[in-house]
Amino acid sequence: TDPKVFLNVFRIYANTEMAPWLHKIYVSSLVLTGERDDGCNPKINKLISKEIPNSKLVILPNYKHSLLLEAPREVGKNLVEFFVSHK
């Protein structure tokens, strides 16, 4: 990742509070994280999922932050199941 992009992302995170508007998301949402994700940990994802009215929380055991690299099949399986159940 380009260092400028990386730092800009964290600047945005530091200056943006999402919690107050998460309840306004009414589309079905999949909140997916790894059990050992230190970047956006399960505790945060549980709060996100709780605030989004029509969300499903999935915490993949033993994985960290790079789910697409660590667990592509599990991510794909969960995406397909979510999309099929929300046709």
PDB file of N, CA and C in Angstrom:
ATOM      1  N   THR A   1       0.844  -1.184   0.000  1.00  0.00           N
ATOM      2  CA  THR A   1       0.000   0.000   0.000  1.00  0.00           C
ATOM      3  C   THR A   1       0.883   1.239   0.000  1.00  0.00           C
ATOM      4  N   ASP A   2       0.534   2.161  -0.846  1.00  0.00           N
ATOM      5  CA  ASP A   2       1.231   3.446  -0.894  1.00  0.00           C
ATOM      6  C   ASP A   2       1.123   4.108   0.480  1.00  0.00           C
ATOM      7  N   PRO A   3       2.238   4.537   1.065  1.00  0.00           N
ATOM      8  CA  PRO A   3       2.197   5.144   2.408  1.00  0.00           C
ATOM      9  C   PRO A   3       1.252   6.343   2.507  1.00  0.00           C
ATOM     10  N   LYS A   4       1.156   7.150   1.465  1.00  0.00           N
ATOM     11  CA  LYS A   4       0.257   8.313   1.496  1.00  0.00           C
ATOM     12  C   LYS A   4      -1.202   7.860   1.578  1.00  0.00           C
ATOM     13  N   VAL A   5      -1.531   6.825   0.816  1.00  0.00           N
ATOM     14  CA  VAL A   5      -2.896   6.292   0.840  1.00  0.00           C
ATOM     15  C   VAL A   5      -3.189   5.703   2.214  1.00  0.00           C
ATOM     16  N   PHE A   6      -2.251   4.921   2.720  1.00  0.00           N
ATOM     17  CA  PHE A   6      -2.401   4.280   4.031  1.00  0.00           C
ATOM     18  C   PHE A   6      -2.660   5.317   5.119  1.00  0.00           C
ATOM     19  N   LEU A   7      -1.855   6.367   5.149  1.00  0.00           N
ATOM     20  CA  LEU A   7      -2.015   7.413   6.164  1.00  0.00           C
ATOM     21  C   LEU A   7      -3.315   8.190   5.966  1.00  0.00           C
ATOM     22  N   ASN A   8      -3.709   8.400   4.722  1.00  0.00           N
ATOM     23  CA  ASN A   8      -4.960   9.110   4.467  1.00  0.00           C
ATOM     24  C   ASN A   8      -6.165   8.306   4.963  1.00  0.00           C
ATOM     25  N   VAL A   9      -6.127   6.997   4.779  1.00  0.00           N
ATOM     26  CA  VAL A   9      -7.210   6.148   5.269  1.00  0.00           C
ATOM     27  C   VAL A   9      -7.340   6.283   6.785  1.00  0.00           C
ATOM     28  N   PHE A  10      -6.229   6.266   7.485  1.00  0.00           N
ATOM     29  CA  PHE A  10      -6.292   6.399   8.940  1.00  0.00           C
ATOM     30  C   PHE A  10      -6.704   7.805   9.362  1.00  0.00           C
ATOM     31  N   ARG A  11      -6.384   8.819   8.571  1.00  0.00           N
ATOM     32  CA  ARG A  11      -6.855  10.165   8.857  1.00  0.00           C
ATOM     33  C   ARG A  11      -8.382  10.199   8.749  1.00  0.00           C
ATOM     34  N   ILE A  12      -8.907   9.571   7.725  1.00  0.00           N
ATOM     35  CA  ILE A  12     -10.359   9.513   7.549  1.00  0.00           C
ATOM     36  C   ILE A  12     -10.995   8.777   8.721  1.00  0.00           C
ATOM     37  N   TYR A  13     -10.432   7.628   9.099  1.00  0.00           N
ATOM     38  CA  TYR A  13     -10.974   6.871  10.243  1.00  0.00           C
ATOM     39  C   TYR A  13     -10.971   7.711  11.518  1.00  0.00           C
ATOM     40  N   ALA A  14      -9.886   8.441  11.732  1.00  0.00           N
ATOM     41  CA  ALA A  14      -9.748   9.222  12.958  1.00  0.00           C
ATOM     42  C   ALA A  14     -10.750  10.376  13.015  1.00  0.00           C
ATOM     43  N   ASN A  15     -11.180  10.858  11.864  1.00  0.00           N
ATOM     44  CA  ASN A  15     -12.069  12.016  11.818  1.00  0.00           C
ATOM     45  C   ASN A  15     -13.508  11.680  11.457  1.00  0.00           C
ATOM     46  N   THR A  16     -13.838  10.403  11.394  1.00  0.00           N
ATOM     47  CA  THR A  16     -15.174   9.999  10.992  1.00  0.00           C
ATOM     48  C   THR A  16     -15.771   9.068  12.039  1.00  0.00           C
ATOM     49  N   GLU A  17     -16.933   9.440  12.519  1.00  0.00           N
ATOM     50  CA  GLU A  17     -17.640   8.590  13.471  1.00  0.00           C
ATOM     51  C   GLU A  17     -18.862   8.011  12.759  1.00  0.00           C
ATOM     52  N   MET A  18     -18.835   6.709  12.519  1.00  0.00           N
ATOM     53  CA  MET A  18     -19.913   6.060  11.781  1.00  0.00           C
ATOM     54  C   MET A  18     -21.088   5.643  12.653  1.00  0.00           C
ATOM     55  N   ALA A  19     -20.852   5.395  13.897  1.00  0.00           N
ATOM     56  CA  ALA A  19     -21.900   4.850  14.767  1.00  0.00           C
ATOM     57  C   ALA A  19     -23.214   5.636  14.728  1.00  0.00           C
ATOM     58  N   PRO A  20     -23.184   6.967  14.712  1.00  0.00           N
ATOM     59  CA  PRO A  20     -24.452   7.704  14.737  1.00  0.00           C
ATOM     60  C   PRO A  20     -25.355   7.489  13.523  1.00  0.00           C
ATOM     61  N   TRP A  21     -24.828   7.066  12.410  1.00  0.00           N
ATOM     62  CA  TRP A  21     -25.675   6.884  11.224  1.00  0.00           C
ATOM     63  C   TRP A  21     -25.827   5.442  10.762  1.00  0.00           C
ATOM     64  N   LEU A  22     -25.219   4.491  11.424  1.00  0.00           N
ATOM     65  CA  LEU A  22     -25.340   3.089  11.015  1.00  0.00           C
ATOM     66  C   LEU A  22     -26.797   2.609  11.031  1.00  0.00           C
ATOM     67  N   HIS A  23     -27.590   3.100  11.960  1.00  0.00           N
ATOM     68  CA  HIS A  23     -28.999   2.685  12.051  1.00  0.00           C
ATOM     69  C   HIS A  23     -29.809   3.089  10.819  1.00  0.00           C
ATOM     70  N   LYS A  24     -29.274   3.990  10.008  1.00  0.00           N
ATOM     71  CA  LYS A  24     -29.961   4.443   8.796  1.00  0.00           C
ATOM     72  C   LYS A  24     -29.749   3.503   7.609  1.00  0.00           C
ATOM     73  N   ILE A  25     -28.893   2.516   7.770  1.00  0.00           N
ATOM     74  CA  ILE A  25     -28.650   1.548   6.695  1.00  0.00           C
ATOM     75  C   ILE A  25     -29.759   0.510   6.749  1.00  0.00           C
ATOM     76  N   TYR A  26     -30.613   0.510   5.737  1.00  0.00           N
ATOM     77  CA  TYR A  26     -31.753  -0.403   5.741  1.00  0.00           C
ATOM     78  C   TYR A  26     -31.617  -1.555   4.760  1.00  0.00           C
ATOM     79  N   VAL A  27     -30.578  -1.560   3.951  1.00  0.00           N
ATOM     80  CA  VAL A  27     -30.378  -2.690   3.050  1.00  0.00           C
ATOM     81  C   VAL A  27     -29.750  -3.833   3.837  1.00  0.00           C
ATOM     82  N   SER A  28     -30.008  -5.031   3.406  1.00  0.00           N
ATOM     83  CA  SER A  28     -29.404  -6.193   4.057  1.00  0.00           C
ATOM     84  C   SER A  28     -27.890  -6.063   3.987  1.00  0.00           C
ATOM     85  N   SER A  29     -27.238  -6.314   5.097  1.00  0.00           N
ATOM     86  CA  SER A  29     -25.791  -6.117   5.181  1.00  0.00           C
ATOM     87  C   SER A  29     -25.121  -7.317   5.832  1.00  0.00           C
ATOM     88  N   LEU A  30     -24.008  -7.714   5.252  1.00  0.00           N
ATOM     89  CA  LEU A  30     -23.190  -8.774   5.833  1.00  0.00           C
ATOM     90  C   LEU A  30     -21.991  -8.122   6.495  1.00  0.00           C
ATOM     91  N   VAL A  31     -21.827  -8.342   7.775  1.00  0.00           N
ATOM     92  CA  VAL A  31     -20.695  -7.826   8.528  1.00  0.00           C
ATOM     93  C   VAL A  31     -19.787  -9.027   8.786  1.00  0.00           C
ATOM     94  N   LEU A  32     -18.637  -9.025   8.150  1.00  0.00           N
ATOM     95  CA  LEU A  32     -17.761 -10.200   8.140  1.00  0.00           C
ATOM     96  C   LEU A  32     -16.376  -9.817   8.648  1.00  0.00           C
ATOM     97  N   THR A  33     -15.869 -10.584   9.591  1.00  0.00           N
ATOM     98  CA  THR A  33     -14.545 -10.302  10.145  1.00  0.00           C
ATOM     99  C   THR A  33     -13.873 -11.600  10.576  1.00  0.00           C
ATOM    100  N   GLY A  34     -12.596 -11.487  10.864  1.00  0.00           N
ATOM    101  CA  GLY A  34     -11.845 -12.618  11.400  1.00  0.00           C
ATOM    102  C   GLY A  34     -11.799 -12.552  12.918  1.00  0.00           C
ATOM    103  N   GLU A  35     -11.794 -13.690  13.521  1.00  0.00           N
ATOM    104  CA  GLU A  35     -11.783 -13.788  14.986  1.00  0.00           C
ATOM    105  C   GLU A  35     -10.587 -13.055  15.607  1.00  0.00           C
ATOM    106  N   ARG A  36      -9.457 -13.065  14.902  1.00  0.00           N
ATOM    107  CA  ARG A  36      -8.231 -12.457  15.437  1.00  0.00           C
ATOM    108  C   ARG A  36      -7.841 -11.181  14.686  1.00  0.00           C
ATOM    109  N   ASP A  37      -8.843 -10.500  14.140  1.00  0.00           N
ATOM    110  CA  ASP A  37      -8.601  -9.261  13.405  1.00  0.00           C
ATOM    111  C   ASP A  37      -8.297  -8.143  14.394  1.00  0.00           C
ATOM    112  N   ASP A  38      -7.087  -7.622  14.345  1.00  0.00           N
ATOM    113  CA  ASP A  38      -6.715  -6.519  15.223  1.00  0.00           C
ATOM    114  C   ASP A  38      -7.039  -5.166  14.592  1.00  0.00           C
ATOM    115  N   GLY A  39      -7.247  -5.138  13.255  1.00  0.00           N
ATOM    116  CA  GLY A  39      -7.532  -3.893  12.561  1.00  0.00           C
ATOM    117  C   GLY A  39      -8.953  -3.425  12.786  1.00  0.00           C
ATOM    118  N   CYS A  40      -9.883  -4.327  12.656  1.00  0.00           N
ATOM    119  CA  CYS A  40     -11.304  -4.041  12.895  1.00  0.00           C
ATOM    120  C   CYS A  40     -11.858  -5.282  13.588  1.00  0.00           C
ATOM    121  N   ASN A  41     -11.644  -5.343  14.867  1.00  0.00           N
ATOM    122  CA  ASN A  41     -11.863  -6.574  15.639  1.00  0.00           C
ATOM    123  C   ASN A  41     -13.336  -6.962  15.779  1.00  0.00           C
ATOM    124  N   PRO A  42     -13.583  -8.200  16.189  1.00  0.00           N
ATOM    125  CA  PRO A  42     -14.960  -8.684  16.350  1.00  0.00           C
ATOM    126  C   PRO A  42     -15.821  -7.820  17.269  1.00  0.00           C
ATOM    127  N   LYS A  43     -15.233  -7.236  18.294  1.00  0.00           N
ATOM    128  CA  LYS A  43     -16.002  -6.377  19.199  1.00  0.00           C
ATOM    129  C   LYS A  43     -16.589  -5.191  18.423  1.00  0.00           C
ATOM    130  N   ILE A  44     -15.790  -4.578  17.581  1.00  0.00           N
ATOM    131  CA  ILE A  44     -16.263  -3.455  16.770  1.00  0.00           C
ATOM    132  C   ILE A  44     -17.324  -3.933  15.787  1.00  0.00           C
ATOM    133  N   ASN A  45     -17.077  -5.078  15.153  1.00  0.00           N
ATOM    134  CA  ASN A  45     -18.030  -5.609  14.184  1.00  0.00           C
ATOM    135  C   ASN A  45     -19.351  -5.993  14.836  1.00  0.00           C
ATOM    136  N   LYS A  46     -19.316  -6.461  16.075  1.00  0.00           N
ATOM    137  CA  LYS A  46     -20.556  -6.751  16.800  1.00  0.00           C
ATOM    138  C   LYS A  46     -21.353  -5.470  17.018  1.00  0.00           C
ATOM    139  N   LEU A  47     -20.664  -4.384  17.353  1.00  0.00           N
ATOM    140  CA  LEU A  47     -21.344  -3.103  17.540  1.00  0.00           C
ATOM    141  C   LEU A  47     -21.930  -2.607  16.217  1.00  0.00           C
ATOM    142  N   ILE A  48     -21.167  -2.751  15.137  1.00  0.00           N
ATOM    143  CA  ILE A  48     -21.641  -2.344  13.813  1.00  0.00           C
ATOM    144  C   ILE A  48     -22.895  -3.133  13.451  1.00  0.00           C
ATOM    145  N   SER A  49     -22.826  -4.436  13.594  1.00  0.00           N
ATOM    146  CA  SER A  49     -23.954  -5.296  13.243  1.00  0.00           C
ATOM    147  C   SER A  49     -25.184  -4.987  14.096  1.00  0.00           C
ATOM    148  N   LYS A  50     -24.967  -4.699  15.350  1.00  0.00           N
ATOM    149  CA  LYS A  50     -26.074  -4.385  16.254  1.00  0.00           C
ATOM    150  C   LYS A  50     -26.792  -3.107  15.814  1.00  0.00           C
ATOM    151  N   GLU A  51     -26.051  -2.156  15.277  1.00  0.00           N
ATOM    152  CA  GLU A  51     -26.626  -0.875  14.876  1.00  0.00           C
ATOM    153  C   GLU A  51     -27.309  -0.914  13.514  1.00  0.00           C
ATOM    154  N   ILE A  52     -26.886  -1.819  12.635  1.00  0.00           N
ATOM    155  CA  ILE A  52     -27.493  -1.923  11.311  1.00  0.00           C
ATOM    156  C   ILE A  52     -28.702  -2.858  11.435  1.00  0.00           C
ATOM    157  N   PRO A  53     -29.906  -2.335  11.199  1.00  0.00           N
ATOM    158  CA  PRO A  53     -31.127  -3.109  11.460  1.00  0.00           C
ATOM    159  C   PRO A  53     -31.200  -4.476  10.777  1.00  0.00           C
ATOM    160  N   ASN A  54     -30.841  -4.577   9.532  1.00  0.00           N
ATOM    161  CA  ASN A  54     -31.006  -5.835   8.802  1.00  0.00           C
ATOM    162  C   ASN A  54     -29.625  -6.403   8.441  1.00  0.00           C
ATOM    163  N   SER A  55     -28.856  -6.707   9.470  1.00  0.00           N
ATOM    164  CA  SER A  55     -27.496  -7.199   9.211  1.00  0.00           C
ATOM    165  C   SER A  55     -27.293  -8.602   9.750  1.00  0.00           C
ATOM    166  N   LYS A  56     -26.303  -9.241   9.186  1.00  0.00           N
ATOM    167  CA  LYS A  56     -25.886 -10.563   9.653  1.00  0.00           C
ATOM    168  C   LYS A  56     -24.402 -10.472   9.981  1.00  0.00           C
ATOM    169  N   LEU A  57     -24.034 -10.899  11.157  1.00  0.00           N
ATOM    170  CA  LEU A  57     -22.643 -10.891  11.593  1.00  0.00           C
ATOM    171  C   LEU A  57     -22.049 -12.282  11.431  1.00  0.00           C
ATOM    172  N   VAL A  58     -20.883 -12.345  10.800  1.00  0.00           N
ATOM    173  CA  VAL A  58     -20.140 -13.603  10.683  1.00  0.00           C
ATOM    174  C   VAL A  58     -18.714 -13.325  11.142  1.00  0.00           C
ATOM    175  N   ILE A  59     -18.265 -14.107  12.114  1.00  0.00           N
ATOM    176  CA  ILE A  59     -16.886 -14.021  12.598  1.00  0.00           C
ATOM    177  C   ILE A  59     -16.213 -15.342  12.245  1.00  0.00           C
ATOM    178  N   LEU A  60     -15.260 -15.262  11.333  1.00  0.00           N
ATOM    179  CA  LEU A  60     -14.566 -16.475  10.898  1.00  0.00           C
ATOM    180  C   LEU A  60     -13.468 -16.824  11.898  1.00  0.00           C
ATOM    181  N   PRO A  61     -13.515 -18.030  12.454  1.00  0.00           N
ATOM    182  CA  PRO A  61     -12.543 -18.431  13.480  1.00  0.00           C
ATOM    183  C   PRO A  61     -11.118 -18.510  12.932  1.00  0.00           C
ATOM    184  N   ASN A  62     -10.179 -18.108  13.771  1.00  0.00           N
ATOM    185  CA  ASN A  62      -8.741 -18.240  13.536  1.00  0.00           C
ATOM    186  C   ASN A  62      -8.160 -17.315  12.477  1.00  0.00           C
ATOM    187  N   TYR A  63      -8.950 -16.439  11.874  1.00  0.00           N
ATOM    188  CA  TYR A  63      -8.423 -15.563  10.829  1.00  0.00           C
ATOM    189  C   TYR A  63      -8.222 -14.152  11.362  1.00  0.00           C
ATOM    190  N   LYS A  64      -7.406 -13.410  10.621  1.00  0.00           N
ATOM    191  CA  LYS A  64      -7.084 -12.037  11.015  1.00  0.00           C
ATOM    192  C   LYS A  64      -7.787 -11.048  10.093  1.00  0.00           C
ATOM    193  N   HIS A  65      -7.057 -10.049   9.628  1.00  0.00           N
ATOM    194  CA  HIS A  65      -7.631  -8.917   8.898  1.00  0.00           C
ATOM    195  C   HIS A  65      -7.728  -9.127   7.386  1.00  0.00           C
ATOM    196  N   SER A  66      -6.871  -9.920   6.815  1.00  0.00           N
ATOM    197  CA  SER A  66      -6.839 -10.093   5.359  1.00  0.00           C
ATOM    198  C   SER A  66      -7.633 -11.321   4.932  1.00  0.00           C
ATOM    199  N   LEU A  67      -8.918 -11.275   5.168  1.00  0.00           N
ATOM    200  CA  LEU A  67      -9.760 -12.446   4.925  1.00  0.00           C
ATOM    201  C   LEU A  67      -9.722 -12.929   3.478  1.00  0.00           C
ATOM    202  N   LEU A  68      -9.636 -12.021   2.531  1.00  0.00           N
ATOM    203  CA  LEU A  68      -9.621 -12.449   1.127  1.00  0.00           C
ATOM    204  C   LEU A  68      -8.363 -13.245   0.790  1.00  0.00           C
ATOM    205  N   LEU A  69      -7.283 -12.992   1.509  1.00  0.00           N
ATOM    206  CA  LEU A  69      -6.048 -13.759   1.311  1.00  0.00           C
ATOM    207  C   LEU A  69      -6.008 -14.997   2.205  1.00  0.00           C
ATOM    208  N   GLU A  70      -6.471 -14.864   3.414  1.00  0.00           N
ATOM    209  CA  GLU A  70      -6.403 -15.954   4.384  1.00  0.00           C
ATOM    210  C   GLU A  70      -7.474 -17.021   4.189  1.00  0.00           C
ATOM    211  N   ALA A  71      -8.671 -16.582   3.805  1.00  0.00           N
ATOM    212  CA  ALA A  71      -9.804 -17.508   3.773  1.00  0.00           C
ATOM    213  C   ALA A  71     -10.739 -17.220   2.591  1.00  0.00           C
ATOM    214  N   PRO A  72     -10.221 -17.217   1.369  1.00  0.00           N
ATOM    215  CA  PRO A  72     -11.073 -16.854   0.227  1.00  0.00           C
ATOM    216  C   PRO A  72     -12.287 -17.765   0.060  1.00  0.00           C
ATOM    217  N   ARG A  73     -12.124 -19.050   0.317  1.00  0.00           N
ATOM    218  CA  ARG A  73     -13.266 -19.970   0.169  1.00  0.00           C
ATOM    219  C   ARG A  73     -14.345 -19.702   1.203  1.00  0.00           C
ATOM    220  N   GLU A  74     -13.924 -19.454   2.448  1.00  0.00           N
ATOM    221  CA  GLU A  74     -14.890 -19.182   3.503  1.00  0.00           C
ATOM    222  C   GLU A  74     -15.619 -17.858   3.243  1.00  0.00           C
ATOM    223  N   VAL A  75     -14.869 -16.860   2.790  1.00  0.00           N
ATOM    224  CA  VAL A  75     -15.488 -15.572   2.468  1.00  0.00           C
ATOM    225  C   VAL A  75     -16.488 -15.764   1.333  1.00  0.00           C
ATOM    226  N   GLY A  76     -16.058 -16.438   0.276  1.00  0.00           N
ATOM    227  CA  GLY A  76     -16.935 -16.687  -0.865  1.00  0.00           C
ATOM    228  C   GLY A  76     -18.189 -17.444  -0.466  1.00  0.00           C
ATOM    229  N   LYS A  77     -18.021 -18.472   0.350  1.00  0.00           N
ATOM    230  CA  LYS A  77     -19.163 -19.272   0.821  1.00  0.00           C
ATOM    231  C   LYS A  77     -20.161 -18.388   1.568  1.00  0.00           C
ATOM    232  N   ASN A  78     -19.661 -17.549   2.456  1.00  0.00           N
ATOM    233  CA  ASN A  78     -20.539 -16.670   3.225  1.00  0.00           C
ATOM    234  C   ASN A  78     -21.214 -15.628   2.343  1.00  0.00           C
ATOM    235  N   LEU A  79     -20.504 -15.106   1.358  1.00  0.00           N
ATOM    236  CA  LEU A  79     -21.105 -14.150   0.430  1.00  0.00           C
ATOM    237  C   LEU A  79     -22.224 -14.796  -0.379  1.00  0.00           C
ATOM    238  N   VAL A  80     -21.955 -15.987  -0.920  1.00  0.00           N
ATOM    239  CA  VAL A  80     -22.975 -16.677  -1.708  1.00  0.00           C
ATOM    240  C   VAL A  80     -24.194 -16.970  -0.855  1.00  0.00           C
ATOM    241  N   GLU A  81     -23.994 -17.504   0.343  1.00  0.00           N
ATOM    242  CA  GLU A  81     -25.115 -17.802   1.238  1.00  0.00           C
ATOM    243  C   GLU A  81     -25.912 -16.532   1.560  1.00  0.00           C
ATOM    244  N   PHE A  82     -25.220 -15.449   1.777  1.00  0.00           N
ATOM    245  CA  PHE A  82     -25.895 -14.190   2.108  1.00  0.00           C
ATOM    246  C   PHE A  82     -26.697 -13.691   0.915  1.00  0.00           C
ATOM    247  N   PHE A  83     -26.084 -13.687  -0.260  1.00  0.00           N
ATOM    248  CA  PHE A  83     -26.784 -13.196  -1.456  1.00  0.00           C
ATOM    249  C   PHE A  83     -27.984 -14.080  -1.803  1.00  0.00           C
ATOM    250  N   VAL A  84     -27.817 -15.387  -1.705  1.00  0.00           N
ATOM    251  CA  VAL A  84     -28.920 -16.301  -2.019  1.00  0.00           C
ATOM    252  C   VAL A  84     -30.084 -16.098  -1.051  1.00  0.00           C
ATOM    253  N   SER A  85     -29.767 -15.862   0.198  1.00  0.00           N
ATOM    254  CA  SER A  85     -30.828 -15.692   1.198  1.00  0.00           C
ATOM    255  C   SER A  85     -31.488 -14.312   1.141  1.00  0.00           C
ATOM    256  N   HIS A  86     -30.927 -13.405   0.326  1.00  0.00           N
ATOM    257  CA  HIS A  86     -31.469 -12.040   0.221  1.00  0.00           C
ATOM    258  C   HIS A  86     -31.811 -11.679  -1.225  1.00  0.00           C
ATOM    259  N   LYS A  87     -32.366 -12.632  -1.957  1.00  0.00           N
ATOM    260  CA  LYS A  87     -32.748 -12.371  -3.355  1.00  0.00           C
ATOM    261  C   LYS A  87     -33.870 -11.384  -3.433  1.00  0.00           C
TER     262      LYS A  87
END
